[in-house]
Amino acid sequence: MAESNPKLVCFSCKFGWGYLSEESALASKITNWIPVVCSGKIDTSHILKAFRAGADGVLILGCSEGHCHFQDGNIQTEKKVLLLQKVLETFGIEQERLEIQLSMDPDGQNIPLLIKKMEENLIKLGPIKRL
């Protein structure tokens, strides 16, 4: 069986992830990367749109707890993710295909590493079962 090449969409907060690096430098290392002003600005419809567009997984990188520039946007998104994981599971989509990481990485060094780790997990899960 050939190894799959999963499509992963990564949303990351500009204030906590990679703000000391140039966006173009990070973008050259990362495919399907969407920097956002705040993880709290990611609507459930954005996540679902990524899956509908063919993503096998979605990774959200938000500021660590207590460090959100928009008060509690990261915590609200964490709650959305937990609920959406349960909804996706009712449609046969594994919860592991949607992850959120609340932390800080000003240089953006860990973004490619976290993406690689999630891609490895997605390879183990195999392609998403589309209806």
C-alpha atoms as a PDB file:
ATOM      1  CA  MET A   1       0.000   0.000   0.000  1.00  0.00           C
ATOM      2  CA  ALA A   2       1.399   3.384  -1.011  1.00  0.00           C
ATOM      3  CA  GLU A   3       1.883   5.964   1.697  1.00  0.00           C
ATOM      4  CA  SER A   4      -0.664   8.738   1.469  1.00  0.00           C
ATOM      5  CA  ASN A   5       0.272  12.393   1.334  1.00  0.00           C
ATOM      6  CA  PRO A   6      -2.291  14.022   3.629  1.00  0.00           C
ATOM      7  CA  LYS A   7      -3.506  17.548   3.048  1.00  0.00           C
ATOM      8  CA  LEU A   8      -3.327  19.571   6.250  1.00  0.00           C
ATOM      9  CA  VAL A   9      -4.587  23.112   6.745  1.00  0.00           C
ATOM     10  CA  CYS A  10      -2.914  25.091   9.521  1.00  0.00           C
ATOM     11  CA  PHE A  11      -4.367  28.270  11.014  1.00  0.00           C
ATOM     12  CA  SER A  12      -1.992  30.159  13.305  1.00  0.00           C
ATOM     13  CA  CYS A  13      -2.308  33.262  15.435  1.00  0.00           C
ATOM     14  CA  LYS A  14      -0.024  36.061  14.219  1.00  0.00           C
ATOM     15  CA  PHE A  15       0.523  37.294  17.773  1.00  0.00           C
ATOM     16  CA  GLY A  16       1.767  34.039  19.258  1.00  0.00           C
ATOM     17  CA  TRP A  17       3.206  32.085  16.339  1.00  0.00           C
ATOM     18  CA  GLY A  18       5.970  33.342  14.075  1.00  0.00           C
ATOM     19  CA  TYR A  19       5.565  37.056  14.623  1.00  0.00           C
ATOM     20  CA  LEU A  20       9.338  37.583  14.775  1.00  0.00           C
ATOM     21  CA  SER A  21       9.827  35.871  11.408  1.00  0.00           C
ATOM     22  CA  GLU A  22       8.859  37.165   8.025  1.00  0.00           C
ATOM     23  CA  GLU A  23       5.587  35.663   6.852  1.00  0.00           C
ATOM     24  CA  SER A  24       7.015  34.951   3.403  1.00  0.00           C
ATOM     25  CA  ALA A  25       9.922  32.970   4.897  1.00  0.00           C
ATOM     26  CA  LEU A  26       7.534  30.829   6.941  1.00  0.00           C
ATOM     27  CA  ALA A  27       5.104  30.462   4.051  1.00  0.00           C
ATOM     28  CA  SER A  28       7.894  29.023   1.886  1.00  0.00           C
ATOM     29  CA  LYS A  29       8.306  26.178   4.415  1.00  0.00           C
ATOM     30  CA  ILE A  30       4.616  25.525   5.058  1.00  0.00           C
ATOM     31  CA  THR A  31       1.846  24.603   2.637  1.00  0.00           C
ATOM     32  CA  ASN A  32      -1.798  25.387   3.371  1.00  0.00           C
ATOM     33  CA  TRP A  33      -0.817  27.790   6.157  1.00  0.00           C
ATOM     34  CA  ILE A  34      -3.276  30.540   7.064  1.00  0.00           C
ATOM     35  CA  PRO A  35      -2.020  33.161   9.534  1.00  0.00           C
ATOM     36  CA  VAL A  36      -4.893  34.852  11.356  1.00  0.00           C
ATOM     37  CA  VAL A  37      -5.079  37.884  13.652  1.00  0.00           C
ATOM     38  CA  CYS A  38      -6.396  35.674  16.472  1.00  0.00           C
ATOM     39  CA  SER A  39      -7.341  32.021  16.695  1.00  0.00           C
ATOM     40  CA  GLY A  40     -10.624  33.343  18.076  1.00  0.00           C
ATOM     41  CA  LYS A  41     -11.384  34.759  14.625  1.00  0.00           C
ATOM     42  CA  ILE A  42     -11.509  31.237  13.163  1.00  0.00           C
ATOM     43  CA  ASP A  43     -15.145  30.425  12.666  1.00  0.00           C
ATOM     44  CA  THR A  44     -16.453  26.870  12.636  1.00  0.00           C
ATOM     45  CA  SER A  45     -17.395  27.427   9.001  1.00  0.00           C
ATOM     46  CA  HIS A  46     -13.698  28.018   8.139  1.00  0.00           C
ATOM     47  CA  ILE A  47     -12.766  24.639   9.597  1.00  0.00           C
ATOM     48  CA  LEU A  48     -15.621  22.855   7.851  1.00  0.00           C
ATOM     49  CA  LYS A  49     -14.744  24.605   4.588  1.00  0.00           C
ATOM     50  CA  ALA A  50     -11.184  23.241   4.861  1.00  0.00           C
ATOM     51  CA  PHE A  51     -12.530  19.696   5.233  1.00  0.00           C
ATOM     52  CA  ARG A  52     -15.004  20.195   2.363  1.00  0.00           C
ATOM     53  CA  ALA A  53     -12.146  21.484   0.191  1.00  0.00           C
ATOM     54  CA  GLY A  54     -10.259  18.215   0.682  1.00  0.00           C
ATOM     55  CA  ALA A  55      -8.249  18.641   3.869  1.00  0.00           C
ATOM     56  CA  ASP A  56      -7.495  15.444   5.768  1.00  0.00           C
ATOM     57  CA  GLY A  57      -6.814  17.458   8.912  1.00  0.00           C
ATOM     58  CA  VAL A  58      -6.876  20.935  10.425  1.00  0.00           C
ATOM     59  CA  LEU A  59      -4.372  22.268  12.953  1.00  0.00           C
ATOM     60  CA  ILE A  60      -5.027  25.476  14.881  1.00  0.00           C
ATOM     61  CA  LEU A  61      -2.186  27.240  16.685  1.00  0.00           C
ATOM     62  CA  GLY A  62      -3.329  29.795  19.242  1.00  0.00           C
ATOM     63  CA  CYS A  63      -1.717  31.814  22.012  1.00  0.00           C
ATOM     64  CA  SER A  64      -1.191  30.149  25.344  1.00  0.00           C
ATOM     65  CA  GLU A  65      -3.856  30.584  27.991  1.00  0.00           C
ATOM     66  CA  GLY A  66      -3.834  34.084  29.461  1.00  0.00           C
ATOM     67  CA  HIS A  67      -1.840  35.577  26.571  1.00  0.00           C
ATOM     68  CA  CYS A  68      -4.540  36.216  23.976  1.00  0.00           C
ATOM     69  CA  HIS A  69      -4.419  39.763  22.577  1.00  0.00           C
ATOM     70  CA  PHE A  70      -8.187  39.562  22.127  1.00  0.00           C
ATOM     71  CA  GLN A  71      -8.961  38.576  25.740  1.00  0.00           C
ATOM     72  CA  ASP A  72     -10.095  34.956  25.473  1.00  0.00           C
ATOM     73  CA  GLY A  73     -10.321  34.247  21.736  1.00  0.00           C
ATOM     74  CA  ASN A  74      -8.014  31.258  22.086  1.00  0.00           C
ATOM     75  CA  ILE A  75     -10.119  29.696  24.850  1.00  0.00           C
ATOM     76  CA  GLN A  76     -13.312  30.240  22.865  1.00  0.00           C
ATOM     77  CA  THR A  77     -11.716  28.517  19.864  1.00  0.00           C
ATOM     78  CA  GLU A  78     -10.552  25.659  22.052  1.00  0.00           C
ATOM     79  CA  LYS A  79     -14.180  25.155  23.124  1.00  0.00           C
ATOM     80  CA  LYS A  80     -15.324  25.298  19.471  1.00  0.00           C
ATOM     81  CA  VAL A  81     -12.735  22.670  18.539  1.00  0.00           C
ATOM     82  CA  LEU A  82     -13.800  20.315  21.319  1.00  0.00           C
ATOM     83  CA  LEU A  83     -17.449  20.572  20.250  1.00  0.00           C
ATOM     84  CA  LEU A  84     -16.642  20.299  16.560  1.00  0.00           C
ATOM     85  CA  GLN A  85     -14.519  17.193  17.166  1.00  0.00           C
ATOM     86  CA  LYS A  86     -17.595  15.498  18.610  1.00  0.00           C
ATOM     87  CA  VAL A  87     -19.787  16.636  15.708  1.00  0.00           C
ATOM     88  CA  LEU A  88     -17.241  15.435  13.135  1.00  0.00           C
ATOM     89  CA  GLU A  89     -17.060  12.079  14.876  1.00  0.00           C
ATOM     90  CA  THR A  90     -20.807  11.604  14.382  1.00  0.00           C
ATOM     91  CA  PHE A  91     -20.085  11.860  10.648  1.00  0.00           C
ATOM     92  CA  GLY A  92     -17.314   9.262  10.856  1.00  0.00           C
ATOM     93  CA  ILE A  93     -14.421  11.734  10.914  1.00  0.00           C
ATOM     94  CA  GLU A  94     -11.871  10.950  13.610  1.00  0.00           C
ATOM     95  CA  GLN A  95     -11.384  13.604  16.314  1.00  0.00           C
ATOM     96  CA  GLU A  96      -7.611  13.483  15.741  1.00  0.00           C
ATOM     97  CA  ARG A  97      -8.117  15.173  12.363  1.00  0.00           C
ATOM     98  CA  LEU A  98      -8.828  18.460  14.151  1.00  0.00           C
ATOM     99  CA  GLU A  99      -6.305  19.689  16.704  1.00  0.00           C
ATOM    100  CA  ILE A 100      -5.616  22.873  18.582  1.00  0.00           C
ATOM    101  CA  GLN A 101      -2.338  23.795  20.242  1.00  0.00           C
ATOM    102  CA  LEU A 102      -2.281  26.714  22.682  1.00  0.00           C
ATOM    103  CA  SER A 103       1.302  27.843  23.129  1.00  0.00           C
ATOM    104  CA  MET A 104       3.765  30.503  21.967  1.00  0.00           C
ATOM    105  CA  ASP A 105       6.419  30.295  19.258  1.00  0.00           C
ATOM    106  CA  PRO A 106       7.552  33.828  18.331  1.00  0.00           C
ATOM    107  CA  ASP A 107      10.196  32.611  15.864  1.00  0.00           C
ATOM    108  CA  GLY A 108       7.853  30.149  14.176  1.00  0.00           C
ATOM    109  CA  GLN A 109      10.427  27.369  14.508  1.00  0.00           C
ATOM    110  CA  ASN A 110       7.909  24.842  15.831  1.00  0.00           C
ATOM    111  CA  ILE A 111       5.194  25.387  13.239  1.00  0.00           C
ATOM    112  CA  PRO A 112       6.773  23.078  10.613  1.00  0.00           C
ATOM    113  CA  LEU A 113       7.521  20.505  13.334  1.00  0.00           C
ATOM    114  CA  LEU A 114       3.935  20.475  14.613  1.00  0.00           C
ATOM    115  CA  ILE A 115       2.638  20.216  11.057  1.00  0.00           C
ATOM    116  CA  LYS A 116       4.978  17.304  10.332  1.00  0.00           C
ATOM    117  CA  LYS A 117       3.862  15.528  13.518  1.00  0.00           C
ATOM    118  CA  MET A 118       0.190  15.936  12.634  1.00  0.00           C
ATOM    119  CA  GLU A 119       0.826  14.816   9.043  1.00  0.00           C
ATOM    120  CA  GLU A 120       2.443  11.652  10.432  1.00  0.00           C
ATOM    121  CA  ASN A 121      -0.665  11.037  12.539  1.00  0.00           C
ATOM    122  CA  LEU A 122      -2.874  11.621   9.489  1.00  0.00           C
ATOM    123  CA  ILE A 123      -0.843   9.090   7.491  1.00  0.00           C
ATOM    124  CA  LYS A 124      -1.558   6.515  10.216  1.00  0.00           C
ATOM    125  CA  LEU A 125      -5.278   7.358  10.038  1.00  0.00           C
ATOM    126  CA  GLY A 126      -5.265   7.103   6.258  1.00  0.00           C
ATOM    127  CA  PRO A 127      -7.249   9.254   3.869  1.00  0.00           C
ATOM    128  CA  ILE A 128     -10.415  10.810   5.199  1.00  0.00           C
ATOM    129  CA  LYS A 129     -13.553   8.936   4.247  1.00  0.00           C
ATOM    130  CA  ARG A 130     -15.586  11.270   2.083  1.00  0.00           C
ATOM    131  CA  LEU A 131     -19.319  10.799   1.709  1.00  0.00           C
END
